Structure formats: C-alpha cells, structure tokens
Amino acid sequence: MSCPCFKKINQYTLKSPFLEQIGSDRIDKMTEQATIEKLKKGRVVFNQGENADKFYFVYSESLKIEKSKKGGNMYEVERLYLGYYFGEHAVINNSKRLA
C-alpha cells in the first residue's frame, strides 16, 4: 500500500543535488521499499562509527544531530527539519557513520 509520505519524500529527493545523481527510477524503488519509523524525543537513531544499512528522511518536526567531545559531552552539530535527509553517504559508499 502506498503512503502519501513516500510521494512527499520522493519530491524532496528529486530536488537533492546529491541524490539526483542516483536517478529517478532508483529513487522510486527506494521510496517503494521505505518504511516509516516514528521516533520518540531523545532517541538515538545511530552512533558514530556504526555500519550503515539505511538512511533517513525527516518527515515532520525536526531532528538534532549530535557528536561527542573527548570526555563524552555531547554538542549539537546540526538541526534537520522537514524534507531534510541524513545518513545517505554512509549507505551509498558502504562506509561507517560519521556522526
């Protein structure tokens, strides 16, 4: 069953300079295989250095990207809003998470 959010996600990806290199057919396939995951406030999506098996689109509200300093204190690197995506480089390049 198709979800309207996937059409919305696809609209954003087609405008993305990075993801437009993939081509609309692959983007269509990716959004067909996408799942929705509602995250609770404060939940860690992934940690720096982990293997990447998926990337994420912000469908509503916002998301905070944090990194840890020496000593374990966290600091905000960036805040992402509706339409933003993250984690794509690690998935496409089959590399470790950077943040």
PDB file of N, CA and C in Angstrom:
ATOM      1  N   MET A   1       0.846  -1.182   0.000  1.00  0.00           N
ATOM      2  CA  MET A   1       0.000   0.000   0.000  1.00  0.00           C
ATOM      3  C   MET A   1       0.890   1.245   0.000  1.00  0.00           C
ATOM      4  N   SER A   2       0.555   2.180  -0.827  1.00  0.00           N
ATOM      5  CA  SER A   2       1.352   3.399  -0.942  1.00  0.00           C
ATOM      6  C   SER A   2       0.928   4.418   0.109  1.00  0.00           C
ATOM      7  N   CYS A   3       1.894   5.072   0.677  1.00  0.00           N
ATOM      8  CA  CYS A   3       1.651   6.091   1.697  1.00  0.00           C
ATOM      9  C   CYS A   3       1.932   7.464   1.086  1.00  0.00           C
ATOM     10  N   PRO A   4       1.084   8.469   1.343  1.00  0.00           N
ATOM     11  CA  PRO A   4       1.339   9.805   0.785  1.00  0.00           C
ATOM     12  C   PRO A   4       2.694  10.372   1.185  1.00  0.00           C
ATOM     13  N   CYS A   5       3.217   9.946   2.339  1.00  0.00           N
ATOM     14  CA  CYS A   5       4.511  10.472   2.784  1.00  0.00           C
ATOM     15  C   CYS A   5       5.623  10.066   1.828  1.00  0.00           C
ATOM     16  N   PHE A   6       5.516   8.900   1.168  1.00  0.00           N
ATOM     17  CA  PHE A   6       6.550   8.481   0.239  1.00  0.00           C
ATOM     18  C   PHE A   6       6.587   9.377  -0.982  1.00  0.00           C
ATOM     19  N   LYS A   7       5.433   9.845  -1.415  1.00  0.00           N
ATOM     20  CA  LYS A   7       5.409  10.809  -2.529  1.00  0.00           C
ATOM     21  C   LYS A   7       6.089  12.102  -2.104  1.00  0.00           C
ATOM     22  N   LYS A   8       5.830  12.502  -0.861  1.00  0.00           N
ATOM     23  CA  LYS A   8       6.449  13.721  -0.331  1.00  0.00           C
ATOM     24  C   LYS A   8       7.963  13.548  -0.257  1.00  0.00           C
ATOM     25  N   ILE A   9       8.407  12.399   0.246  1.00  0.00           N
ATOM     26  CA  ILE A   9       9.839  12.113   0.325  1.00  0.00           C
ATOM     27  C   ILE A   9      10.445  12.137  -1.062  1.00  0.00           C
ATOM     28  N   ASN A  10       9.782  11.517  -2.016  1.00  0.00           N
ATOM     29  CA  ASN A  10      10.287  11.468  -3.382  1.00  0.00           C
ATOM     30  C   ASN A  10      10.419  12.877  -3.960  1.00  0.00           C
ATOM     31  N   GLN A  11       9.484  13.757  -3.656  1.00  0.00           N
ATOM     32  CA  GLN A  11       9.576  15.144  -4.136  1.00  0.00           C
ATOM     33  C   GLN A  11      10.848  15.799  -3.618  1.00  0.00           C
ATOM     34  N   TYR A  12      11.201  15.556  -2.360  1.00  0.00           N
ATOM     35  CA  TYR A  12      12.408  16.142  -1.787  1.00  0.00           C
ATOM     36  C   TYR A  12      13.661  15.540  -2.395  1.00  0.00           C
ATOM     37  N   THR A  13      13.678  14.225  -2.600  1.00  0.00           N
ATOM     38  CA  THR A  13      14.881  13.592  -3.118  1.00  0.00           C
ATOM     39  C   THR A  13      15.163  14.026  -4.541  1.00  0.00           C
ATOM     40  N   LEU A  14      14.122  14.252  -5.321  1.00  0.00           N
ATOM     41  CA  LEU A  14      14.331  14.669  -6.700  1.00  0.00           C
ATOM     42  C   LEU A  14      14.950  16.063  -6.774  1.00  0.00           C
ATOM     43  N   LYS A  15      14.820  16.857  -5.712  1.00  0.00           N
ATOM     44  CA  LYS A  15      15.394  18.201  -5.674  1.00  0.00           C
ATOM     45  C   LYS A  15      16.795  18.198  -5.067  1.00  0.00           C
ATOM     46  N   SER A  16      17.247  17.052  -4.613  1.00  0.00           N
ATOM     47  CA  SER A  16      18.527  16.952  -3.930  1.00  0.00           C
ATOM     48  C   SER A  16      19.673  16.827  -4.920  1.00  0.00           C
ATOM     49  N   PRO A  17      20.667  17.730  -4.871  1.00  0.00           N
ATOM     50  CA  PRO A  17      21.814  17.628  -5.780  1.00  0.00           C
ATOM     51  C   PRO A  17      22.562  16.307  -5.630  1.00  0.00           C
ATOM     52  N   PHE A  18      22.653  15.814  -4.405  1.00  0.00           N
ATOM     53  CA  PHE A  18      23.384  14.568  -4.174  1.00  0.00           C
ATOM     54  C   PHE A  18      22.600  13.367  -4.697  1.00  0.00           C
ATOM     55  N   LEU A  19      21.327  13.273  -4.327  1.00  0.00           N
ATOM     56  CA  LEU A  19      20.545  12.096  -4.698  1.00  0.00           C
ATOM     57  C   LEU A  19      20.059  12.114  -6.147  1.00  0.00           C
ATOM     58  N   GLU A  20      20.042  13.276  -6.783  1.00  0.00           N
ATOM     59  CA  GLU A  20      19.596  13.297  -8.179  1.00  0.00           C
ATOM     60  C   GLU A  20      20.562  12.528  -9.082  1.00  0.00           C
ATOM     61  N   GLN A  21      21.791  12.335  -8.623  1.00  0.00           N
ATOM     62  CA  GLN A  21      22.764  11.549  -9.386  1.00  0.00           C
ATOM     63  C   GLN A  21      22.353  10.080  -9.470  1.00  0.00           C
ATOM     64  N   ILE A  22      21.557   9.632  -8.518  1.00  0.00           N
ATOM     65  CA  ILE A  22      21.104   8.243  -8.485  1.00  0.00           C
ATOM     66  C   ILE A  22      20.099   7.968  -9.599  1.00  0.00           C
ATOM     67  N   GLY A  23      19.285   8.955  -9.928  1.00  0.00           N
ATOM     68  CA  GLY A  23      18.282   8.802 -10.968  1.00  0.00           C
ATOM     69  C   GLY A  23      16.907   8.519 -10.386  1.00  0.00           C
ATOM     70  N   SER A  24      15.886   9.002 -11.065  1.00  0.00           N
ATOM     71  CA  SER A  24      14.521   8.921 -10.540  1.00  0.00           C
ATOM     72  C   SER A  24      14.012   7.486 -10.445  1.00  0.00           C
ATOM     73  N   ASP A  25      14.434   6.582 -11.329  1.00  0.00           N
ATOM     74  CA  ASP A  25      13.974   5.193 -11.240  1.00  0.00           C
ATOM     75  C   ASP A  25      14.440   4.539  -9.937  1.00  0.00           C
ATOM     76  N   ARG A  26      15.709   4.759  -9.586  1.00  0.00           N
ATOM     77  CA  ARG A  26      16.226   4.195  -8.330  1.00  0.00           C
ATOM     78  C   ARG A  26      15.589   4.852  -7.117  1.00  0.00           C
ATOM     79  N   ILE A  27      15.342   6.148  -7.214  1.00  0.00           N
ATOM     80  CA  ILE A  27      14.684   6.848  -6.110  1.00  0.00           C
ATOM     81  C   ILE A  27      13.276   6.304  -5.930  1.00  0.00           C
ATOM     82  N   ASP A  28      12.558   6.077  -7.025  1.00  0.00           N
ATOM     83  CA  ASP A  28      11.218   5.487  -6.943  1.00  0.00           C
ATOM     84  C   ASP A  28      11.271   4.140  -6.241  1.00  0.00           C
ATOM     85  N   LYS A  29      12.233   3.314  -6.603  1.00  0.00           N
ATOM     86  CA  LYS A  29      12.368   1.988  -5.993  1.00  0.00           C
ATOM     87  C   LYS A  29      12.685   2.115  -4.505  1.00  0.00           C
ATOM     88  N   MET A  30      13.562   3.048  -4.159  1.00  0.00           N
ATOM     89  CA  MET A  30      13.917   3.245  -2.757  1.00  0.00           C
ATOM     90  C   MET A  30      12.698   3.660  -1.940  1.00  0.00           C
ATOM     91  N   THR A  31      11.896   4.579  -2.460  1.00  0.00           N
ATOM     92  CA  THR A  31      10.732   5.032  -1.700  1.00  0.00           C
ATOM     93  C   THR A  31       9.662   3.947  -1.623  1.00  0.00           C
ATOM     94  N   GLU A  32       9.582   3.087  -2.630  1.00  0.00           N
ATOM     95  CA  GLU A  32       8.647   1.959  -2.566  1.00  0.00           C
ATOM     96  C   GLU A  32       9.038   1.002  -1.446  1.00  0.00           C
ATOM     97  N   GLN A  33      10.324   0.876  -1.183  1.00  0.00           N
ATOM     98  CA  GLN A  33      10.813  -0.044  -0.162  1.00  0.00           C
ATOM     99  C   GLN A  33      10.957   0.631   1.205  1.00  0.00           C
ATOM    100  N   ALA A  34      10.649   1.901   1.273  1.00  0.00           N
ATOM    101  CA  ALA A  34      10.828   2.660   2.511  1.00  0.00           C
ATOM    102  C   ALA A  34       9.794   2.255   3.562  1.00  0.00           C
ATOM    103  N   THR A  35      10.176   2.425   4.798  1.00  0.00           N
ATOM    104  CA  THR A  35       9.259   2.216   5.913  1.00  0.00           C
ATOM    105  C   THR A  35       9.258   3.475   6.774  1.00  0.00           C
ATOM    106  N   ILE A  36       8.179   3.650   7.497  1.00  0.00           N
ATOM    107  CA  ILE A  36       8.066   4.800   8.388  1.00  0.00           C
ATOM    108  C   ILE A  36       8.390   4.339   9.805  1.00  0.00           C
ATOM    109  N   GLU A  37       9.238   5.094  10.464  1.00  0.00           N
ATOM    110  CA  GLU A  37       9.607   4.796  11.835  1.00  0.00           C
ATOM    111  C   GLU A  37       9.403   6.063  12.652  1.00  0.00           C
ATOM    112  N   LYS A  38       8.462   6.023  13.559  1.00  0.00           N
ATOM    113  CA  LYS A  38       8.210   7.183  14.416  1.00  0.00           C
ATOM    114  C   LYS A  38       9.174   7.108  15.598  1.00  0.00           C
ATOM    115  N   LEU A  39       9.931   8.161  15.791  1.00  0.00           N
ATOM    116  CA  LEU A  39      10.940   8.187  16.841  1.00  0.00           C
ATOM    117  C   LEU A  39      10.479   9.040  18.016  1.00  0.00           C
ATOM    118  N   LYS A  40      10.746   8.549  19.204  1.00  0.00           N
ATOM    119  CA  LYS A  40      10.429   9.324  20.401  1.00  0.00           C
ATOM    120  C   LYS A  40      11.525  10.354  20.642  1.00  0.00           C
ATOM    121  N   LYS A  41      11.146  11.470  21.228  1.00  0.00           N
ATOM    122  CA  LYS A  41      12.099  12.531  21.534  1.00  0.00           C
ATOM    123  C   LYS A  41      13.253  11.980  22.366  1.00  0.00           C
ATOM    124  N   GLY A  42      14.481  12.303  21.960  1.00  0.00           N
ATOM    125  CA  GLY A  42      15.668  11.884  22.679  1.00  0.00           C
ATOM    126  C   GLY A  42      16.234  10.541  22.252  1.00  0.00           C
ATOM    127  N   ARG A  43      15.549   9.837  21.356  1.00  0.00           N
ATOM    128  CA  ARG A  43      16.027   8.523  20.910  1.00  0.00           C
ATOM    129  C   ARG A  43      17.252   8.681  20.016  1.00  0.00           C
ATOM    130  N   VAL A  44      18.228   7.823  20.202  1.00  0.00           N
ATOM    131  CA  VAL A  44      19.414   7.807  19.348  1.00  0.00           C
ATOM    132  C   VAL A  44      19.082   6.983  18.112  1.00  0.00           C
ATOM    133  N   VAL A  45      19.267   7.556  16.930  1.00  0.00           N
ATOM    134  CA  VAL A  45      18.982   6.863  15.676  1.00  0.00           C
ATOM    135  C   VAL A  45      20.142   5.948  15.321  1.00  0.00           C
ATOM    136  N   PHE A  46      21.357   6.473  15.392  1.00  0.00           N
ATOM    137  CA  PHE A  46      22.561   5.671  15.225  1.00  0.00           C
ATOM    138  C   PHE A  46      23.725   6.406  15.858  1.00  0.00           C
ATOM    139  N   ASN A  47      24.809   5.696  16.047  1.00  0.00           N
ATOM    140  CA  ASN A  47      26.005   6.268  16.659  1.00  0.00           C
ATOM    141  C   ASN A  47      27.146   6.346  15.654  1.00  0.00           C
ATOM    142  N   GLN A  48      28.004   7.320  15.864  1.00  0.00           N
ATOM    143  CA  GLN A  48      29.189   7.491  15.035  1.00  0.00           C
ATOM    144  C   GLN A  48      29.991   6.193  15.013  1.00  0.00           C
ATOM    145  N   GLY A  49      30.447   5.787  13.813  1.00  0.00           N
ATOM    146  CA  GLY A  49      31.262   4.592  13.666  1.00  0.00           C
ATOM    147  C   GLY A  49      30.487   3.314  13.387  1.00  0.00           C
ATOM    148  N   GLU A  50      29.162   3.343  13.522  1.00  0.00           N
ATOM    149  CA  GLU A  50      28.361   2.150  13.238  1.00  0.00           C
ATOM    150  C   GLU A  50      28.279   1.895  11.742  1.00  0.00           C
ATOM    151  N   ASN A  51      27.995   0.656  11.378  1.00  0.00           N
ATOM    152  CA  ASN A  51      27.738   0.319   9.983  1.00  0.00           C
ATOM    153  C   ASN A  51      26.408   0.935   9.556  1.00  0.00           C
ATOM    154  N   ALA A  52      26.294   1.247   8.280  1.00  0.00           N
ATOM    155  CA  ALA A  52      25.088   1.887   7.757  1.00  0.00           C
ATOM    156  C   ALA A  52      24.307   0.899   6.897  1.00  0.00           C
ATOM    157  N   ASP A  53      23.013   0.750   7.223  1.00  0.00           N
ATOM    158  CA  ASP A  53      22.166  -0.104   6.397  1.00  0.00           C
ATOM    159  C   ASP A  53      20.940   0.629   5.869  1.00  0.00           C
ATOM    160  N   LYS A  54      20.754   1.875   6.281  1.00  0.00           N
ATOM    161  CA  LYS A  54      19.646   2.679   5.775  1.00  0.00           C
ATOM    162  C   LYS A  54      19.935   4.152   6.031  1.00  0.00           C
ATOM    163  N   PHE A  55      19.205   4.999   5.298  1.00  0.00           N
ATOM    164  CA  PHE A  55      19.294   6.419   5.594  1.00  0.00           C
ATOM    165  C   PHE A  55      17.906   6.952   5.862  1.00  0.00           C
ATOM    166  N   TYR A  56      17.829   8.180   6.317  1.00  0.00           N
ATOM    167  CA  TYR A  56      16.612   8.692   6.921  1.00  0.00           C
ATOM    168  C   TYR A  56      16.171  10.007   6.288  1.00  0.00           C
ATOM    169  N   PHE A  57      14.849  10.198   6.264  1.00  0.00           N
ATOM    170  CA  PHE A  57      14.228  11.450   5.857  1.00  0.00           C
ATOM    171  C   PHE A  57      13.464  11.988   7.050  1.00  0.00           C
ATOM    172  N   VAL A  58      13.535  13.286   7.256  1.00  0.00           N
ATOM    173  CA  VAL A  58      12.755  13.916   8.316  1.00  0.00           C
ATOM    174  C   VAL A  58      11.404  14.252   7.705  1.00  0.00           C
ATOM    175  N   TYR A  59      10.374  13.574   8.192  1.00  0.00           N
ATOM    176  CA  TYR A  59       9.035  13.731   7.632  1.00  0.00           C
ATOM    177  C   TYR A  59       8.214  14.765   8.401  1.00  0.00           C
ATOM    178  N   SER A  60       8.535  14.984   9.656  1.00  0.00           N
ATOM    179  CA  SER A  60       7.824  16.005  10.426  1.00  0.00           C
ATOM    180  C   SER A  60       8.730  16.505  11.548  1.00  0.00           C
ATOM    181  N   GLU A  61       8.391  17.642  12.062  1.00  0.00           N
ATOM    182  CA  GLU A  61       9.117  18.284  13.155  1.00  0.00           C
ATOM    183  C   GLU A  61      10.595  18.464  12.827  1.00  0.00           C
ATOM    184  N   SER A  62      11.487  18.112  13.738  1.00  0.00           N
ATOM    185  CA  SER A  62      12.914  18.310  13.493  1.00  0.00           C
ATOM    186  C   SER A  62      13.721  17.228  14.210  1.00  0.00           C
ATOM    187  N   LEU A  63      14.990  17.207  13.888  1.00  0.00           N
ATOM    188  CA  LEU A  63      15.893  16.205  14.450  1.00  0.00           C
ATOM    189  C   LEU A  63      17.229  16.873  14.729  1.00  0.00           C
ATOM    190  N   LYS A  64      17.833  16.542  15.852  1.00  0.00           N
ATOM    191  CA  LYS A  64      19.103  17.134  16.246  1.00  0.00           C
ATOM    192  C   LYS A  64      20.221  16.120  16.004  1.00  0.00           C
ATOM    193  N   ILE A  65      21.285  16.558  15.312  1.00  0.00           N
ATOM    194  CA  ILE A  65      22.475  15.736  15.097  1.00  0.00           C
ATOM    195  C   ILE A  65      23.510  16.163  16.124  1.00  0.00           C
ATOM    196  N   GLU A  66      24.004  15.193  16.894  1.00  0.00           N
ATOM    197  CA  GLU A  66      24.978  15.485  17.927  1.00  0.00           C
ATOM    198  C   GLU A  66      26.214  14.604  17.753  1.00  0.00           C
ATOM    199  N   LYS A  67      27.336  15.109  18.216  1.00  0.00           N
ATOM    200  CA  LYS A  67      28.583  14.344  18.284  1.00  0.00           C
ATOM    201  C   LYS A  67      29.112  14.485  19.704  1.00  0.00           C
ATOM    202  N   SER A  68      29.989  13.568  20.068  1.00  0.00           N
ATOM    203  CA  SER A  68      30.557  13.673  21.419  1.00  0.00           C
ATOM    204  C   SER A  68      31.976  14.229  21.356  1.00  0.00           C
ATOM    205  N   LYS A  69      32.289  15.035  22.345  1.00  0.00           N
ATOM    206  CA  LYS A  69      33.643  15.559  22.511  1.00  0.00           C
ATOM    207  C   LYS A  69      34.420  14.570  23.366  1.00  0.00           C
ATOM    208  N   LYS A  70      35.712  14.786  23.463  1.00  0.00           N
ATOM    209  CA  LYS A  70      36.503  13.986  24.405  1.00  0.00           C
ATOM    210  C   LYS A  70      35.910  14.196  25.791  1.00  0.00           C
ATOM    211  N   GLY A  71      35.786  13.149  26.523  1.00  0.00           N
ATOM    212  CA  GLY A  71      35.168  13.241  27.843  1.00  0.00           C
ATOM    213  C   GLY A  71      33.695  12.871  27.815  1.00  0.00           C
ATOM    214  N   GLY A  72      33.133  12.700  26.600  1.00  0.00           N
ATOM    215  CA  GLY A  72      31.766  12.226  26.473  1.00  0.00           C
ATOM    216  C   GLY A  72      30.680  13.276  26.396  1.00  0.00           C
ATOM    217  N   ASN A  73      31.018  14.563  26.558  1.00  0.00           N
ATOM    218  CA  ASN A  73      29.992  15.597  26.451  1.00  0.00           C
ATOM    219  C   ASN A  73      29.507  15.714  25.010  1.00  0.00           C
ATOM    220  N   MET A  74      28.202  15.851  24.836  1.00  0.00           N
ATOM    221  CA  MET A  74      27.597  15.954  23.506  1.00  0.00           C
ATOM    222  C   MET A  74      27.454  17.424  23.108  1.00  0.00           C
ATOM    223  N   TYR A  75      27.571  17.682  21.805  1.00  0.00           N
ATOM    224  CA  TYR A  75      27.304  19.015  21.273  1.00  0.00           C
ATOM    225  C   TYR A  75      26.528  18.882  19.971  1.00  0.00           C
ATOM    226  N   GLU A  76      25.677  19.867  19.723  1.00  0.00           N
ATOM    227  CA  GLU A  76      24.833  19.844  18.531  1.00  0.00           C
ATOM    228  C   GLU A  76      25.645  20.254  17.313  1.00  0.00           C
ATOM    229  N   VAL A  77      25.610  19.417  16.282  1.00  0.00           N
ATOM    230  CA  VAL A  77      26.311  19.689  15.028  1.00  0.00           C
ATOM    231  C   VAL A  77      25.370  20.413  14.072  1.00  0.00           C
ATOM    232  N   GLU A  78      24.135  19.951  14.034  1.00  0.00           N
ATOM    233  CA  GLU A  78      23.166  20.493  13.084  1.00  0.00           C
ATOM    234  C   GLU A  78      21.770  20.108  13.527  1.00  0.00           C
ATOM    235  N   ARG A  79      20.786  20.887  13.076  1.00  0.00           N
ATOM    236  CA  ARG A  79      19.380  20.555  13.296  1.00  0.00           C
ATOM    237  C   ARG A  79      18.739  20.401  11.921  1.00  0.00           C
ATOM    238  N   LEU A  80      18.025  19.298  11.731  1.00  0.00           N
ATOM    239  CA  LEU A  80      17.399  18.997  10.449  1.00  0.00           C
ATOM    240  C   LEU A  80      15.890  19.139  10.574  1.00  0.00           C
ATOM    241  N   TYR A  81      15.267  19.634   9.515  1.00  0.00           N
ATOM    242  CA  TYR A  81      13.831  19.896   9.518  1.00  0.00           C
ATOM    243  C   TYR A  81      13.147  19.120   8.402  1.00  0.00           C
ATOM    244  N   LEU A  82      11.838  19.259   8.336  1.00  0.00           N
ATOM    245  CA  LEU A  82      11.020  18.587   7.333  1.00  0.00           C
ATOM    246  C   LEU A  82      11.666  18.679   5.953  1.00  0.00           C
ATOM    247  N   GLY A  83      11.824  17.519   5.310  1.00  0.00           N
ATOM    248  CA  GLY A  83      12.407  17.473   3.975  1.00  0.00           C
ATOM    249  C   GLY A  83      13.893  17.185   3.948  1.00  0.00           C
ATOM    250  N   TYR A  84      14.559  17.334   5.092  1.00  0.00           N
ATOM    251  CA  TYR A  84      15.988  17.029   5.152  1.00  0.00           C
ATOM    252  C   TYR A  84      16.170  15.515   5.201  1.00  0.00           C
ATOM    253  N   TYR A  85      17.331  15.068   4.850  1.00  0.00           N
ATOM    254  CA  TYR A  85      17.669  13.647   4.946  1.00  0.00           C
ATOM    255  C   TYR A  85      19.094  13.545   5.472  1.00  0.00           C
ATOM    256  N   PHE A  86      19.431  12.360   5.995  1.00  0.00           N
ATOM    257  CA  PHE A  86      20.769  12.167   6.545  1.00  0.00           C
ATOM    258  C   PHE A  86      21.133  10.690   6.507  1.00  0.00           C
ATOM    259  N   GLY A  87      22.423  10.432   6.529  1.00  0.00           N
ATOM    260  CA  GLY A  87      22.921   9.068   6.543  1.00  0.00           C
ATOM    261  C   GLY A  87      23.121   8.455   5.173  1.00  0.00           C
ATOM    262  N   GLU A  88      22.860   9.227   4.129  1.00  0.00           N
ATOM    263  CA  GLU A  88      22.909   8.676   2.766  1.00  0.00           C
ATOM    264  C   GLU A  88      24.327   8.361   2.303  1.00  0.00           C
ATOM    265  N   HIS A  89      25.295   9.174   2.690  1.00  0.00           N
ATOM    266  CA  HIS A  89      26.673   8.944   2.237  1.00  0.00           C
ATOM    267  C   HIS A  89      27.204   7.591   2.712  1.00  0.00           C
ATOM    268  N   ALA A  90      26.961   7.276   3.967  1.00  0.00           N
ATOM    269  CA  ALA A  90      27.444   6.011   4.519  1.00  0.00           C
ATOM    270  C   ALA A  90      26.799   4.817   3.818  1.00  0.00           C
ATOM    271  N   VAL A  91      25.512   4.928   3.499  1.00  0.00           N
ATOM    272  CA  VAL A  91      24.819   3.828   2.829  1.00  0.00           C
ATOM    273  C   VAL A  91      25.340   3.662   1.406  1.00  0.00           C
ATOM    274  N   ILE A  92      25.399   4.743   0.663  1.00  0.00           N
ATOM    275  CA  ILE A  92      25.803   4.676  -0.736  1.00  0.00           C
ATOM    276  C   ILE A  92      27.269   4.273  -0.875  1.00  0.00           C
ATOM    277  N   ASN A  93      28.119   4.749   0.040  1.00  0.00           N
ATOM    278  CA  ASN A  93      29.554   4.435  -0.022  1.00  0.00           C
ATOM    279  C   ASN A  93      29.940   3.213   0.805  1.00  0.00           C
ATOM    280  N   ASN A  94      28.947   2.572   1.439  1.00  0.00           N
ATOM    281  CA  ASN A  94      29.192   1.400   2.262  1.00  0.00           C
ATOM    282  C   ASN A  94      30.298   1.680   3.293  1.00  0.00           C
ATOM    283  N   SER A  95      30.130   2.794   4.017  1.00  0.00           N
ATOM    284  CA  SER A  95      31.134   3.204   4.990  1.00  0.00           C
ATOM    285  C   SER A  95      30.501   3.333   6.373  1.00  0.00           C
ATOM    286  N   LYS A  96      31.294   3.688   7.350  1.00  0.00           N
ATOM    287  CA  LYS A  96      30.829   3.860   8.733  1.00  0.00           C
ATOM    288  C   LYS A  96      30.139   5.217   8.892  1.00  0.00           C
ATOM    289  N   ARG A  97      29.281   5.301   9.881  1.00  0.00           N
ATOM    290  CA  ARG A  97      28.599   6.559  10.206  1.00  0.00           C
ATOM    291  C   ARG A  97      29.612   7.591  10.684  1.00  0.00           C
ATOM    292  N   LEU A  98      29.439   8.846  10.228  1.00  0.00           N
ATOM    293  CA  LEU A  98      30.372   9.905  10.592  1.00  0.00           C
ATOM    294  C   LEU A  98      29.905  10.705  11.796  1.00  0.00           C
ATOM    295  N   ALA A  99      28.621  10.691  12.087  1.00  0.00           N
ATOM    296  CA  ALA A  99      28.099  11.448  13.231  1.00  0.00           C
ATOM    297  C   ALA A  99      27.117  10.598  13.998  1.00  0.00           C
TER     298      ALA A  99
END
